[in-house]
Amino acid sequence: MRRYSQRQTLTSLSEINITPLLDLAFVLLIIFMITTPLLENTTNLVIPSSGAKNPPPDATRIQTISIDRTETIKLNQEIVGTDTLTQRLTELRQANPEIAVVIRPDRELPVQKLVSVMDILQQLGITKMGIATKTEEP
């Protein structure tokens, strides 16, 4: 026996279903909340300074590397390049295995240049190193 179902006439919806729109709005809100703090790349840094005064180092036992804001490297007040610096420090380390090095970076020096000089010291096996700081005025 054949059954005939009633055909319903097609009607248009007079209401808009806003549930998918709300889901999309909440997903976008969460994405913006997560990514907004990551967009801020600038950070103001103040170069650290020490409150304690250090006695002046003995110049005969300690080598001084100075780096100014133009990234000029000086070994004991003599301007050298990175290759010359590596060669001189190798010679000094062979003469005295317990060599100590003090790095005096400029306040405006990019940190990467300081890190590259520290990498040179590490590659040469110089473990006694320090960074000179300026005492803070109260």
C-alpha atoms as a PDB file:
ATOM      1  CA  MET A   1       0.000   0.000   0.000  1.00  0.00           C
ATOM      2  CA  ARG A   2       1.370   3.271  -1.018  1.00  0.00           C
ATOM      3  CA  ARG A   3       1.421   6.055   1.448  1.00  0.00           C
ATOM      4  CA  TYR A   4       1.324   9.640   0.375  1.00  0.00           C
ATOM      5  CA  SER A   5       2.891  12.064   2.741  1.00  0.00           C
ATOM      6  CA  GLN A   6       1.738  15.533   2.983  1.00  0.00           C
ATOM      7  CA  ARG A   7       3.911  17.930   1.221  1.00  0.00           C
ATOM      8  CA  GLN A   8       4.694  21.010   3.196  1.00  0.00           C
ATOM      9  CA  THR A   9       5.031  24.196   1.401  1.00  0.00           C
ATOM     10  CA  LEU A  10       8.410  25.889   1.580  1.00  0.00           C
ATOM     11  CA  THR A  11       8.375  28.982   3.714  1.00  0.00           C
ATOM     12  CA  SER A  12      11.114  31.512   4.242  1.00  0.00           C
ATOM     13  CA  LEU A  13      12.535  32.080   7.682  1.00  0.00           C
ATOM     14  CA  SER A  14      11.775  35.445   9.104  1.00  0.00           C
ATOM     15  CA  GLU A  15      14.431  35.134  11.860  1.00  0.00           C
ATOM     16  CA  ILE A  16      18.212  35.026  11.526  1.00  0.00           C
ATOM     17  CA  ASN A  17      19.972  32.404  13.572  1.00  0.00           C
ATOM     18  CA  ILE A  18      22.657  34.394  15.447  1.00  0.00           C
ATOM     19  CA  THR A  19      24.260  31.474  17.276  1.00  0.00           C
ATOM     20  CA  PRO A  20      26.992  30.937  14.633  1.00  0.00           C
ATOM     21  CA  LEU A  21      27.645  34.680  14.574  1.00  0.00           C
ATOM     22  CA  LEU A  22      28.116  34.758  18.344  1.00  0.00           C
ATOM     23  CA  ASP A  23      30.463  31.789  18.151  1.00  0.00           C
ATOM     24  CA  LEU A  24      32.534  33.585  15.546  1.00  0.00           C
ATOM     25  CA  ALA A  25      32.586  36.792  17.617  1.00  0.00           C
ATOM     26  CA  PHE A  26      33.799  34.936  20.720  1.00  0.00           C
ATOM     27  CA  VAL A  27      36.507  33.114  18.777  1.00  0.00           C
ATOM     28  CA  LEU A  28      37.760  36.406  17.331  1.00  0.00           C
ATOM     29  CA  LEU A  29      37.675  38.005  20.778  1.00  0.00           C
ATOM     30  CA  ILE A  30      39.797  35.197  22.214  1.00  0.00           C
ATOM     31  CA  ILE A  31      42.276  35.429  19.333  1.00  0.00           C
ATOM     32  CA  PHE A  32      42.691  39.182  19.831  1.00  0.00           C
ATOM     33  CA  MET A  33      43.055  38.782  23.595  1.00  0.00           C
ATOM     34  CA  ILE A  34      45.858  36.269  23.101  1.00  0.00           C
ATOM     35  CA  THR A  35      47.757  38.065  20.327  1.00  0.00           C
ATOM     36  CA  THR A  36      47.571  41.660  21.583  1.00  0.00           C
ATOM     37  CA  PRO A  37      50.221  41.288  24.329  1.00  0.00           C
ATOM     38  CA  LEU A  38      52.546  39.618  21.818  1.00  0.00           C
ATOM     39  CA  LEU A  39      52.426  42.599  19.456  1.00  0.00           C
ATOM     40  CA  GLU A  40      54.337  44.833  21.855  1.00  0.00           C
ATOM     41  CA  ASN A  41      58.011  44.260  21.046  1.00  0.00           C
ATOM     42  CA  THR A  42      59.632  47.325  22.546  1.00  0.00           C
ATOM     43  CA  THR A  43      61.006  47.222  26.049  1.00  0.00           C
ATOM     44  CA  ASN A  44      62.767  50.036  27.864  1.00  0.00           C
ATOM     45  CA  LEU A  45      65.889  48.739  29.560  1.00  0.00           C
ATOM     46  CA  VAL A  46      68.019  50.466  32.125  1.00  0.00           C
ATOM     47  CA  ILE A  47      71.586  49.208  32.207  1.00  0.00           C
ATOM     48  CA  PRO A  48      72.284  47.713  35.621  1.00  0.00           C
ATOM     49  CA  SER A  49      74.522  49.514  38.036  1.00  0.00           C
ATOM     50  CA  SER A  50      76.082  48.357  41.231  1.00  0.00           C
ATOM     51  CA  GLY A  51      75.618  49.926  44.647  1.00  0.00           C
ATOM     52  CA  ALA A  52      78.940  48.622  45.984  1.00  0.00           C
ATOM     53  CA  LYS A  53      82.238  50.251  45.141  1.00  0.00           C
ATOM     54  CA  ASN A  54      84.897  47.856  43.921  1.00  0.00           C
ATOM     55  CA  PRO A  55      88.606  48.403  44.513  1.00  0.00           C
ATOM     56  CA  PRO A  56      90.565  49.298  41.382  1.00  0.00           C
ATOM     57  CA  PRO A  57      91.876  46.197  39.645  1.00  0.00           C
ATOM     58  CA  ASP A  58      95.565  45.407  39.336  1.00  0.00           C
ATOM     59  CA  ALA A  59      96.384  46.269  35.717  1.00  0.00           C
ATOM     60  CA  THR A  60      99.182  43.721  35.478  1.00  0.00           C
ATOM     61  CA  ARG A  61      96.917  40.730  36.168  1.00  0.00           C
ATOM     62  CA  ILE A  62      93.662  41.829  34.547  1.00  0.00           C
ATOM     63  CA  GLN A  63      93.085  42.599  30.885  1.00  0.00           C
ATOM     64  CA  THR A  64      90.468  45.225  30.046  1.00  0.00           C
ATOM     65  CA  ILE A  65      88.257  45.150  26.959  1.00  0.00           C
ATOM     66  CA  SER A  66      86.401  48.403  26.310  1.00  0.00           C
ATOM     67  CA  ILE A  67      83.607  48.684  23.766  1.00  0.00           C
ATOM     68  CA  ASP A  68      82.221  52.125  22.940  1.00  0.00           C
ATOM     69  CA  ARG A  69      78.861  52.987  21.410  1.00  0.00           C
ATOM     70  CA  THR A  70      80.311  52.885  17.890  1.00  0.00           C
ATOM     71  CA  GLU A  71      81.259  49.235  18.585  1.00  0.00           C
ATOM     72  CA  THR A  72      85.002  49.985  18.599  1.00  0.00           C
ATOM     73  CA  ILE A  73      86.830  47.351  20.641  1.00  0.00           C
ATOM     74  CA  LYS A  74      89.884  48.316  22.697  1.00  0.00           C
ATOM     75  CA  LEU A  75      92.130  45.817  24.461  1.00  0.00           C
ATOM     76  CA  ASN A  76      94.063  47.669  27.187  1.00  0.00           C
ATOM     77  CA  GLN A  77      93.430  51.055  25.480  1.00  0.00           C
ATOM     78  CA  GLU A  78      94.601  49.774  22.062  1.00  0.00           C
ATOM     79  CA  ILE A  79      92.049  49.605  19.242  1.00  0.00           C
ATOM     80  CA  VAL A  80      91.737  46.063  17.864  1.00  0.00           C
ATOM     81  CA  GLY A  81      89.391  44.141  15.598  1.00  0.00           C
ATOM     82  CA  THR A  82      87.703  40.881  16.555  1.00  0.00           C
ATOM     83  CA  ASP A  83      90.367  38.769  14.809  1.00  0.00           C
ATOM     84  CA  THR A  84      93.190  40.672  16.476  1.00  0.00           C
ATOM     85  CA  LEU A  85      91.359  40.470  19.809  1.00  0.00           C
ATOM     86  CA  THR A  86      91.110  36.697  19.495  1.00  0.00           C
ATOM     87  CA  GLN A  87      94.801  36.408  18.596  1.00  0.00           C
ATOM     88  CA  ARG A  88      95.990  38.665  21.444  1.00  0.00           C
ATOM     89  CA  LEU A  89      93.794  36.945  24.033  1.00  0.00           C
ATOM     90  CA  THR A  90      95.097  33.552  22.865  1.00  0.00           C
ATOM     91  CA  GLU A  91      98.665  34.758  23.379  1.00  0.00           C
ATOM     92  CA  LEU A  92      97.844  36.208  26.807  1.00  0.00           C
ATOM     93  CA  ARG A  93      96.095  32.992  27.853  1.00  0.00           C
ATOM     94  CA  GLN A  94      99.098  30.897  26.798  1.00  0.00           C
ATOM     95  CA  ALA A  95     101.351  33.142  28.880  1.00  0.00           C
ATOM     96  CA  ASN A  96      98.979  33.079  31.870  1.00  0.00           C
ATOM     97  CA  PRO A  97      96.259  30.357  31.982  1.00  0.00           C
ATOM     98  CA  GLU A  98      94.550  32.151  34.888  1.00  0.00           C
ATOM     99  CA  ILE A  99      93.936  35.317  32.887  1.00  0.00           C
ATOM    100  CA  ALA A 100      91.061  37.526  34.006  1.00  0.00           C
ATOM    101  CA  VAL A 101      89.205  39.887  31.692  1.00  0.00           C
ATOM    102  CA  VAL A 102      87.012  42.864  32.544  1.00  0.00           C
ATOM    103  CA  ILE A 103      84.618  44.041  29.845  1.00  0.00           C
ATOM    104  CA  ARG A 104      83.659  47.723  29.952  1.00  0.00           C
ATOM    105  CA  PRO A 105      80.682  48.221  27.609  1.00  0.00           C
ATOM    106  CA  ASP A 106      79.180  51.583  26.809  1.00  0.00           C
ATOM    107  CA  ARG A 107      75.681  52.212  28.146  1.00  0.00           C
ATOM    108  CA  GLU A 108      74.304  52.664  24.602  1.00  0.00           C
ATOM    109  CA  LEU A 109      76.055  49.577  23.182  1.00  0.00           C
ATOM    110  CA  PRO A 110      73.816  46.962  21.555  1.00  0.00           C
ATOM    111  CA  VAL A 111      73.715  43.865  23.719  1.00  0.00           C
ATOM    112  CA  GLN A 112      74.562  41.609  20.778  1.00  0.00           C
ATOM    113  CA  LYS A 113      78.049  43.128  20.480  1.00  0.00           C
ATOM    114  CA  LEU A 114      78.685  42.473  24.182  1.00  0.00           C
ATOM    115  CA  VAL A 115      77.486  38.896  23.786  1.00  0.00           C
ATOM    116  CA  SER A 116      79.762  38.352  20.785  1.00  0.00           C
ATOM    117  CA  VAL A 117      82.803  39.470  22.814  1.00  0.00           C
ATOM    118  CA  MET A 118      81.743  37.166  25.646  1.00  0.00           C
ATOM    119  CA  ASP A 119      81.433  34.328  23.119  1.00  0.00           C
ATOM    120  CA  ILE A 120      85.024  34.954  22.002  1.00  0.00           C
ATOM    121  CA  LEU A 121      86.175  34.693  25.624  1.00  0.00           C
ATOM    122  CA  GLN A 122      84.219  31.487  26.112  1.00  0.00           C
ATOM    123  CA  GLN A 123      85.656  29.919  22.948  1.00  0.00           C
ATOM    124  CA  LEU A 124      89.176  30.720  24.161  1.00  0.00           C
ATOM    125  CA  GLY A 125      88.471  29.074  27.511  1.00  0.00           C
ATOM    126  CA  ILE A 126      88.691  32.266  29.559  1.00  0.00           C
ATOM    127  CA  THR A 127      86.338  31.725  32.467  1.00  0.00           C
ATOM    128  CA  LYS A 128      87.344  34.606  34.711  1.00  0.00           C
ATOM    129  CA  MET A 129      85.480  37.538  33.229  1.00  0.00           C
ATOM    130  CA  GLY A 130      83.420  40.386  34.555  1.00  0.00           C
ATOM    131  CA  ILE A 131      81.435  43.352  33.328  1.00  0.00           C
ATOM    132  CA  ALA A 132      82.383  46.732  34.746  1.00  0.00           C
ATOM    133  CA  THR A 133      79.502  48.801  36.092  1.00  0.00           C
ATOM    134  CA  LYS A 134      79.230  52.359  37.324  1.00  0.00           C
ATOM    135  CA  THR A 135      78.290  53.011  40.942  1.00  0.00           C
ATOM    136  CA  GLU A 136      74.876  54.517  41.468  1.00  0.00           C
ATOM    137  CA  GLU A 137      74.706  57.984  42.919  1.00  0.00           C
ATOM    138  CA  PRO A 138      72.205  58.169  45.816  1.00  0.00           C
END
